[in-house]
Amino acid sequence: MSRVAKVALSAALFSFLAQPVSLIFADPPAPASDSKAVSRGNNGVRRALNHPLPAIKFDATPMSDVIDFLADATTSNFSVVGVSLDAAHVAKDTPITLRMSSEVQLRKVLARVLDQAAGAGVLTFYTDEGVIEITTQEASDKVLYSRIYPIQDLLFQPQDFTNAPSLSLQNAGQGQTGGGGGGGGGQSQQGLFTNTTTTNNTDQKNSQTDRANEIIKLITDTVKPELWQVNGGTATISFFRGNLIVNAPRSIHEQLESE
């Protein structure tokens, strides 16, 4: 390579390397979704809710101190929605008196504390992104979540065969006789089984739909009936291809998932 060529190549290389870094390297990749981290956090909180606590003894202890104790004992994150508590006329210093032996799960203790603070069914708790949220049942039921529940197993119904096939060797033998010479005109072929019937696919689909409608009615009549749209609420439920599509508050999903 001539001296002139080497100088030209060096100049080109120097010019390339002198460009801003943003032009040489691609932009850094966007941060990965933290959905897995959120899922791990929720799983940890659920385990904490099922974890047995030591013996509990509260004597007119302020509710806020009780929550702090439960948070420290289980290393869990708690969040109390103050606006909701104010609306329910529940003060954070509401005295709690509770005594429970060991081996009682956190969820049971927390439910007793909230019932004592405001009365049964007024306050509730749920897990959200690794945090135990405490709010009113009314506020919680205003937020709807959509989930899909497969119910194919519940739709299966064994059929009753009233015209079961029977074995007939005579018909099979007759079916094999025919006209001589291999020409047409022989007797029609008959199989070993007679009185056979086929299932109508349309009837089968209709029966599944009917069964699904029965399940839907059972749910809307027994699981928080007042929250369903058919009863004047906002929650909805529908059947589609072997699945129930439910748009409802957490309290409904919790009951459906526990079944």
Protein backbone atom coordinates (compact mmCIF):
# COMPACT_ATOMS: atom_id res chain seq x y z
CA MET A 1 0.00 0.00 0.00
CA SER A 2 1.37 3.38 -1.01
CA ARG A 3 2.10 6.10 1.53
CA VAL A 4 -0.75 8.20 0.11
CA ALA A 5 -3.24 5.35 0.52
CA LYS A 6 -2.13 4.77 4.12
CA VAL A 7 -2.61 8.45 4.93
CA ALA A 8 -6.10 8.44 3.37
CA LEU A 9 -7.09 5.31 5.28
CA SER A 10 -5.83 6.76 8.57
CA ALA A 11 -7.75 9.97 7.97
CA ALA A 12 -10.97 8.04 7.23
CA LEU A 13 -10.56 5.87 10.33
CA PHE A 14 -9.89 8.92 12.51
CA SER A 15 -12.97 10.65 11.11
CA PHE A 16 -15.17 7.58 11.86
CA LEU A 17 -13.94 7.19 15.42
CA ALA A 18 -14.43 10.87 16.08
CA GLN A 19 -18.19 10.56 15.56
CA PRO A 20 -20.44 10.85 18.66
CA VAL A 21 -20.96 7.59 20.54
CA SER A 22 -24.70 7.74 19.86
CA LEU A 23 -23.96 7.38 16.17
CA ILE A 24 -21.62 4.44 16.63
CA PHE A 25 -23.58 2.37 19.10
CA ALA A 26 -27.30 1.59 19.03
CA ASP A 27 -29.50 3.06 21.72
CA PRO A 28 -29.55 0.93 24.89
CA PRO A 29 -32.43 -1.54 25.05
CA ALA A 30 -35.53 -0.51 26.93
CA PRO A 31 -35.68 -1.88 30.48
CA ALA A 32 -37.34 -5.27 30.69
CA SER A 33 -40.85 -5.48 32.07
CA ASP A 34 -40.98 -5.92 35.81
CA SER A 35 -44.02 -8.23 35.59
CA LYS A 36 -41.96 -11.16 36.86
CA ALA A 37 -40.75 -9.12 39.81
CA VAL A 38 -44.33 -8.07 40.58
CA SER A 39 -45.45 -11.69 40.37
CA ARG A 40 -42.71 -12.75 42.79
CA GLY A 41 -43.74 -9.93 45.14
CA ASN A 42 -47.38 -11.00 45.08
CA ASN A 43 -46.44 -14.62 45.69
CA GLY A 44 -44.34 -13.56 48.66
CA VAL A 45 -47.22 -11.58 50.14
CA ARG A 46 -49.61 -14.49 49.67
CA ARG A 47 -47.17 -16.76 51.49
CA ALA A 48 -46.97 -14.19 54.27
CA LEU A 49 -50.77 -14.12 54.57
CA ASN A 50 -50.77 -17.91 55.01
CA HIS A 51 -47.83 -17.87 57.44
CA PRO A 52 -48.71 -18.69 61.09
CA LEU A 53 -48.02 -15.95 63.62
CA PRO A 54 -46.89 -16.28 67.24
CA ALA A 55 -49.40 -15.75 70.01
CA ILE A 56 -51.28 -12.45 69.57
CA LYS A 57 -52.18 -10.21 72.51
CA PHE A 58 -53.54 -6.71 71.92
CA ASP A 59 -55.14 -4.77 74.77
CA ALA A 60 -56.79 -1.57 73.49
CA THR A 61 -53.87 -1.17 71.09
CA PRO A 62 -54.33 1.53 68.40
CA MET A 63 -55.11 0.04 65.01
CA SER A 64 -52.07 1.72 63.42
CA ASP A 65 -49.77 0.08 66.00
CA VAL A 66 -51.39 -3.28 65.36
CA ILE A 67 -50.73 -2.95 61.61
CA ASP A 68 -47.12 -1.94 62.33
CA PHE A 69 -46.68 -5.01 64.52
CA LEU A 70 -48.08 -7.33 61.84
CA ALA A 71 -45.84 -5.72 59.22
CA ASP A 72 -42.74 -6.22 61.38
CA ALA A 73 -43.69 -9.77 62.38
CA THR A 74 -44.15 -10.88 58.78
CA THR A 75 -41.76 -8.47 57.01
CA SER A 76 -44.66 -7.50 54.74
CA ASN A 77 -45.56 -4.16 53.23
CA PHE A 78 -48.89 -2.68 54.33
CA SER A 79 -50.75 0.29 52.85
CA VAL A 80 -53.79 1.80 54.56
CA VAL A 81 -56.01 3.95 52.35
CA GLY A 82 -56.75 6.81 54.74
CA VAL A 83 -59.42 8.41 52.55
CA SER A 84 -61.47 5.22 52.53
CA LEU A 85 -61.10 4.81 56.27
CA ASP A 86 -62.26 8.37 56.84
CA ALA A 87 -65.30 7.75 54.66
CA ALA A 88 -66.13 4.70 56.77
CA HIS A 89 -65.57 6.74 59.97
CA VAL A 90 -62.70 4.51 61.05
CA ALA A 91 -59.82 6.19 62.88
CA LYS A 92 -56.27 4.86 62.77
CA ASP A 93 -56.14 4.99 66.57
CA THR A 94 -59.23 2.81 66.96
CA PRO A 95 -58.43 0.49 69.93
CA ILE A 96 -58.04 -3.19 69.13
CA THR A 97 -58.31 -5.90 71.78
CA LEU A 98 -57.49 -9.34 70.47
CA ARG A 99 -55.94 -12.48 71.88
CA MET A 100 -55.14 -15.48 69.72
CA SER A 101 -52.93 -18.47 70.24
CA SER A 102 -50.02 -19.30 67.98
CA GLU A 103 -50.31 -21.05 64.58
CA VAL A 104 -53.01 -18.62 63.39
CA GLN A 105 -52.46 -17.31 59.87
CA LEU A 106 -51.89 -13.62 59.22
CA ARG A 107 -54.97 -13.39 56.99
CA LYS A 108 -57.15 -14.63 59.85
CA VAL A 109 -55.66 -12.19 62.36
CA LEU A 110 -55.94 -9.27 59.92
CA ALA A 111 -59.57 -10.10 59.16
CA ARG A 112 -60.40 -10.11 62.89
CA VAL A 113 -58.62 -6.78 63.39
CA LEU A 114 -60.51 -5.09 60.54
CA ASP A 115 -63.86 -6.51 61.66
CA GLN A 116 -63.27 -5.21 65.19
CA ALA A 117 -62.20 -1.79 63.92
CA ALA A 118 -65.22 -1.14 61.70
CA GLY A 119 -67.66 -4.03 61.90
CA ALA A 120 -68.01 -7.10 59.74
CA GLY A 121 -67.85 -6.48 55.99
CA VAL A 122 -66.85 -2.80 56.18
CA LEU A 123 -63.08 -3.09 55.69
CA THR A 124 -61.15 -5.53 53.52
CA PHE A 125 -57.62 -6.22 52.33
CA TYR A 126 -56.03 -7.51 49.14
CA THR A 127 -52.57 -7.91 47.62
CA ASP A 128 -51.32 -5.61 44.89
CA GLU A 129 -47.75 -5.61 43.55
CA GLY A 130 -46.33 -7.09 46.72
CA VAL A 131 -48.29 -4.81 49.07
CA ILE A 132 -51.18 -5.66 51.40
CA GLU A 133 -53.71 -2.91 50.75
CA ILE A 134 -56.32 -2.09 53.40
CA THR A 135 -59.44 -0.23 52.29
CA THR A 136 -63.23 -0.38 52.51
CA GLN A 137 -65.17 -3.18 50.90
CA GLU A 138 -67.27 -0.59 49.07
CA ALA A 139 -64.23 1.07 47.49
CA SER A 140 -62.71 -2.27 46.55
CA ASP A 141 -65.91 -3.47 44.87
CA LYS A 142 -65.96 -0.45 42.55
CA VAL A 143 -62.88 -1.67 40.68
CA LEU A 144 -63.53 -4.44 38.14
CA TYR A 145 -61.03 -6.97 36.81
CA SER A 146 -61.46 -9.33 33.86
CA ARG A 147 -60.44 -12.97 34.13
CA ILE A 148 -61.11 -16.14 32.14
CA TYR A 149 -62.18 -19.38 33.85
CA PRO A 150 -62.09 -22.64 31.83
CA ILE A 151 -65.13 -24.79 32.58
CA GLN A 152 -64.85 -27.51 29.93
CA ASP A 153 -64.75 -30.20 32.61
CA LEU A 154 -68.00 -28.91 34.12
CA LEU A 155 -69.75 -29.00 30.74
CA PHE A 156 -69.08 -32.67 30.05
CA GLN A 157 -72.13 -34.88 30.47
CA PRO A 158 -72.11 -38.60 29.65
CA GLN A 159 -74.81 -39.51 27.15
CA ASP A 160 -77.53 -42.06 27.83
CA PHE A 161 -77.76 -44.47 24.89
CA THR A 162 -81.37 -45.66 24.58
CA ASN A 163 -80.73 -47.36 21.24
CA ALA A 164 -77.45 -49.16 21.82
CA PRO A 165 -76.04 -51.14 18.86
CA SER A 166 -76.39 -54.91 18.88
CA LEU A 167 -74.10 -57.53 17.38
CA SER A 168 -75.59 -59.51 14.48
CA LEU A 169 -73.47 -62.17 12.76
CA GLN A 170 -76.44 -63.11 10.56
CA ASN A 171 -76.68 -59.64 9.06
CA ALA A 172 -72.94 -59.64 8.47
CA GLY A 173 -73.15 -62.95 6.62
CA GLN A 174 -76.07 -61.80 4.54
CA GLY A 175 -74.26 -58.65 3.65
CA GLN A 176 -71.46 -60.66 2.05
CA THR A 177 -73.75 -62.51 -0.41
CA GLY A 178 -74.36 -60.93 -3.73
CA GLY A 179 -75.20 -61.58 -7.33
CA GLY A 180 -72.99 -63.86 -9.35
CA GLY A 181 -70.32 -62.67 -11.66
CA GLY A 182 -69.46 -59.74 -9.51
CA GLY A 183 -72.16 -57.68 -11.18
CA GLY A 184 -74.47 -55.21 -9.55
CA GLY A 185 -77.71 -56.14 -7.94
CA GLY A 186 -76.21 -57.75 -4.87
CA GLN A 187 -77.74 -57.22 -1.45
CA SER A 188 -76.78 -54.07 0.42
CA GLN A 189 -73.84 -54.38 2.74
CA GLN A 190 -74.62 -54.51 6.47
CA GLY A 191 -72.12 -54.33 9.29
CA LEU A 192 -71.84 -56.40 12.42
CA PHE A 193 -73.73 -53.78 14.44
CA THR A 194 -77.38 -52.82 13.99
CA ASN A 195 -79.52 -50.07 15.49
CA THR A 196 -76.59 -47.66 15.45
CA THR A 197 -77.25 -43.95 15.84
CA THR A 198 -75.07 -40.87 15.55
CA THR A 199 -74.84 -37.87 17.83
CA ASN A 200 -76.03 -34.52 16.55
CA ASN A 201 -73.25 -31.97 17.04
CA THR A 202 -75.78 -29.14 17.20
CA ASP A 203 -77.65 -30.82 20.03
CA GLN A 204 -74.37 -31.36 21.87
CA LYS A 205 -73.42 -27.66 21.56
CA ASN A 206 -76.88 -26.64 22.73
CA SER A 207 -76.63 -28.87 25.77
CA GLN A 208 -73.25 -27.32 26.66
CA THR A 209 -74.68 -23.83 26.35
CA ASP A 210 -77.62 -24.79 28.55
CA ARG A 211 -75.25 -26.25 31.13
CA ALA A 212 -73.09 -23.10 31.03
CA ASN A 213 -76.17 -20.92 31.56
CA GLU A 214 -77.07 -23.01 34.61
CA ILE A 215 -73.56 -22.46 36.01
CA ILE A 216 -73.78 -18.73 35.34
CA LYS A 217 -77.13 -18.48 37.13
CA LEU A 218 -75.75 -20.45 40.06
CA ILE A 219 -72.82 -18.04 40.36
CA THR A 220 -74.87 -14.85 40.07
CA ASP A 221 -77.38 -16.18 42.61
CA THR A 222 -74.86 -17.27 45.24
CA VAL A 223 -71.57 -15.34 44.84
CA LYS A 224 -72.11 -11.70 45.91
CA PRO A 225 -75.51 -11.51 44.13
CA GLU A 226 -75.87 -7.76 44.67
CA LEU A 227 -72.73 -7.01 42.61
CA TRP A 228 -73.85 -8.67 39.35
CA GLN A 229 -75.32 -6.59 36.54
CA VAL A 230 -78.32 -8.89 36.23
CA ASN A 231 -79.15 -8.00 39.83
CA GLY A 232 -78.52 -4.27 39.53
CA GLY A 233 -74.73 -4.25 40.03
CA THR A 234 -71.85 -3.78 37.61
CA ALA A 235 -70.16 -7.20 37.37
CA THR A 236 -70.70 -9.23 34.20
CA ILE A 237 -70.24 -12.87 33.25
CA SER A 238 -70.53 -14.57 29.85
CA PHE A 239 -69.81 -17.92 28.21
CA PHE A 240 -67.54 -18.30 25.17
CA ARG A 241 -66.03 -21.49 23.78
CA GLY A 242 -65.85 -23.44 27.00
CA ASN A 243 -64.78 -20.48 29.16
CA LEU A 244 -66.45 -18.06 31.51
CA ILE A 245 -65.37 -14.45 30.98
CA VAL A 246 -65.88 -12.60 34.26
CA ASN A 247 -65.51 -8.84 34.75
CA ALA A 248 -65.98 -8.33 38.46
CA PRO A 249 -64.46 -6.97 41.71
CA ARG A 250 -61.69 -8.78 43.56
CA SER A 251 -64.10 -10.14 46.15
CA ILE A 252 -65.94 -12.13 43.47
CA HIS A 253 -62.76 -13.47 41.88
CA GLU A 254 -61.46 -14.53 45.27
CA GLN A 255 -64.56 -16.64 45.86
CA LEU A 256 -64.52 -18.10 42.34
CA GLU A 257 -60.83 -19.04 42.64
CA SER A 258 -61.37 -20.68 46.03
CA GLU A 259 -64.01 -23.02 44.70
